[in-house]
Amino acid sequence: MDAVRVALLREVLAGTEWLGATRRFAGVLRGSVVAHGGGLLLAGTRAYEPWHLAAHLVDEAAWSGTPELAPTLVRHHAHPSDPAHLAVGPGRIEEARRGETLLVVTPEEPAELLERVHAARRAGVTVLALGAGGGELTEMAHETLAVPEGAELDLDSVQHLVSAAAGENAGSPRVRRGFRDRMSRLAEILTAPPAAPW
């Protein structure tokens, strides 16, 4: 979907909650990666790898002058013989550390993925979720954009809106976290394993 089609989609959605929701989510995404100088991991499931979103974020990173938006696509079918940018497997999620952001895009929540996301969150990774909502992934994520089944938009259309909004030069709004989230973050910091010695 090109910029013209995204603009038309935004016109059609004027007055709905989708424009504000996708811009807020994109602002959190952009704010997280810019604040830490990059380190964006993008993951889906074996059945749903978000290739299209990865490509759009790479484009938006270049167009907006925000290289931090360019993600590392985590693939479930990666092979060592693949080109370097396609050879990153799900083990990379378990290796993620504080300062990195994990964006999970999936219409379902397989247990294998949830275990990896949980481990990443415990390691201090900022977890963002884009999917059906309401499940365990929503509870683990720092920020969620739910696209329930039967909504006016499908998951693919919402990804287009999020990637376009993330690349907007207006900058990202400051995210004000609630008391529960701040306490959860403090508990994670206090219970995280010590950093490996250099």
Foldseek 3Di string as FASTA:
>chain_A
DDPVVLVVVCVVCPPHCLLVLLLQLLLVVLVLQVVLVAAEEEEEDQVDFPPVLLVLQCVLCVVLVNVNSRYQGAYCPADPPDPPSRRHHLVVLLVAAASHEYEYEYQDDDPVVLVSLQNNVLRRYAYEYEYQDDDPSNVSHPYYDHDHPPDPDDSVSSSVSNSVSNSDNPHHDDDDHDPVSVVVSVVSVVPRDDDDDD
